[in-house]
């Protein structure tokens, strides 16, 4: 079994008010990624994700694509600590 890692993503562009959080949740579940997504006050979207390197690579591709009416300009990814309390993927408000 591959080792789990955690990453935090900040997604820049037109990513609020276009269904981005629902898109991220919908994309994460079939890949098997756990974590959360939320809007930030600065207009960006923050994503915390746990999975294998392969899962997170596939997941990051979805973040770059975004839903139909979004316009992703940049995805900044940093490694993070694994939060063992995160059991599924959810939208945080």
Protein backbone atom coordinates (compact mmCIF):
# COMPACT_ATOMS: atom_id res chain seq x y z
CA UNK A 1 0.00 0.00 0.00
CA UNK A 2 1.32 3.43 -0.92
CA UNK A 3 2.12 5.94 1.77
CA UNK A 4 -0.45 8.67 2.41
CA UNK A 5 0.60 12.30 2.19
CA UNK A 6 -1.23 15.58 2.75
CA UNK A 7 -1.21 18.76 0.69
CA UNK A 8 -2.78 22.16 1.00
CA UNK A 9 -3.76 23.92 -2.21
CA UNK A 10 -4.64 27.56 -2.79
CA UNK A 11 -6.52 27.96 -6.06
CA UNK A 12 -6.41 31.39 -7.71
CA UNK A 13 -8.67 32.77 -10.44
CA UNK A 14 -12.43 32.93 -10.92
CA UNK A 15 -13.14 30.15 -8.44
CA UNK A 16 -15.93 31.49 -6.22
CA UNK A 17 -19.56 31.60 -7.28
CA UNK A 18 -19.01 29.05 -10.07
CA UNK A 19 -19.62 25.74 -8.24
CA UNK A 20 -15.93 25.17 -7.58
CA UNK A 21 -16.31 23.66 -4.09
CA UNK A 22 -18.95 21.17 -5.23
CA UNK A 23 -16.77 20.28 -8.24
CA UNK A 24 -13.79 19.62 -5.95
CA UNK A 25 -15.84 17.43 -3.61
CA UNK A 26 -17.31 15.54 -6.58
CA UNK A 27 -13.80 15.04 -8.04
CA UNK A 28 -12.17 13.89 -4.80
CA UNK A 29 -14.52 11.10 -3.79
CA UNK A 30 -14.03 8.64 -6.71
CA UNK A 31 -10.26 9.11 -6.52
CA UNK A 32 -10.32 8.23 -2.81
CA UNK A 33 -8.96 11.58 -1.59
CA UNK A 34 -10.01 12.72 1.88
CA UNK A 35 -10.03 16.34 3.04
CA UNK A 36 -12.00 19.53 2.65
CA UNK A 37 -12.51 22.60 0.49
CA UNK A 38 -13.57 26.12 1.49
CA UNK A 39 -13.79 29.64 0.12
CA UNK A 40 -11.37 32.18 1.54
CA UNK A 41 -12.14 35.82 2.23
CA UNK A 42 -9.49 36.88 -0.32
CA UNK A 43 -11.43 35.31 -3.22
CA UNK A 44 -9.31 32.16 -3.49
CA UNK A 45 -10.32 28.60 -2.67
CA UNK A 46 -8.37 26.55 -0.11
CA UNK A 47 -8.21 22.77 -0.36
CA UNK A 48 -6.73 20.29 2.12
CA UNK A 49 -6.27 16.79 0.72
CA UNK A 50 -4.93 13.44 1.94
CA UNK A 51 -4.07 10.58 -0.41
CA UNK A 52 -1.23 8.76 -2.08
CA UNK A 53 1.11 10.73 -4.33
CA UNK A 54 -0.67 9.22 -7.33
CA UNK A 55 -4.13 10.15 -6.02
CA UNK A 56 -3.06 13.71 -5.26
CA UNK A 57 -1.46 14.09 -8.68
CA UNK A 58 -4.73 13.09 -10.35
CA UNK A 59 -6.70 15.29 -7.94
CA UNK A 60 -4.50 18.32 -8.66
CA UNK A 61 -5.29 17.92 -12.35
CA UNK A 62 -8.96 18.37 -11.48
CA UNK A 63 -8.14 21.51 -9.49
CA UNK A 64 -6.37 22.99 -12.52
CA UNK A 65 -9.33 22.19 -14.77
CA UNK A 66 -12.14 23.36 -12.46
CA UNK A 67 -15.83 23.38 -13.33
CA UNK A 68 -17.21 24.77 -16.56
CA UNK A 69 -17.55 28.45 -15.59
CA UNK A 70 -14.38 28.74 -13.53
CA UNK A 71 -11.09 30.17 -14.70
CA UNK A 72 -8.16 28.71 -12.77
CA UNK A 73 -5.07 30.88 -13.08
CA UNK A 74 -2.79 29.21 -10.53
CA UNK A 75 -2.77 26.31 -8.05
CA UNK A 76 -0.23 26.73 -5.25
CA UNK A 77 0.49 23.41 -3.50
CA UNK A 78 2.41 22.84 -0.28
CA UNK A 79 2.98 19.70 1.74
CA UNK A 80 1.13 19.55 5.04
CA UNK A 81 0.74 17.31 8.07
CA UNK A 82 -1.83 14.53 7.96
CA UNK A 83 -4.90 15.29 10.08
CA UNK A 84 -6.00 11.85 11.28
CA UNK A 85 -9.45 13.23 12.13
CA UNK A 86 -10.31 13.74 8.44
CA UNK A 87 -12.31 10.69 7.35
CA UNK A 88 -13.97 11.82 4.07
CA UNK A 89 -14.07 14.79 1.73
CA UNK A 90 -16.35 17.69 2.65
CA UNK A 91 -17.20 21.27 1.85
CA UNK A 92 -16.48 23.61 4.74
CA UNK A 93 -18.32 26.88 5.17
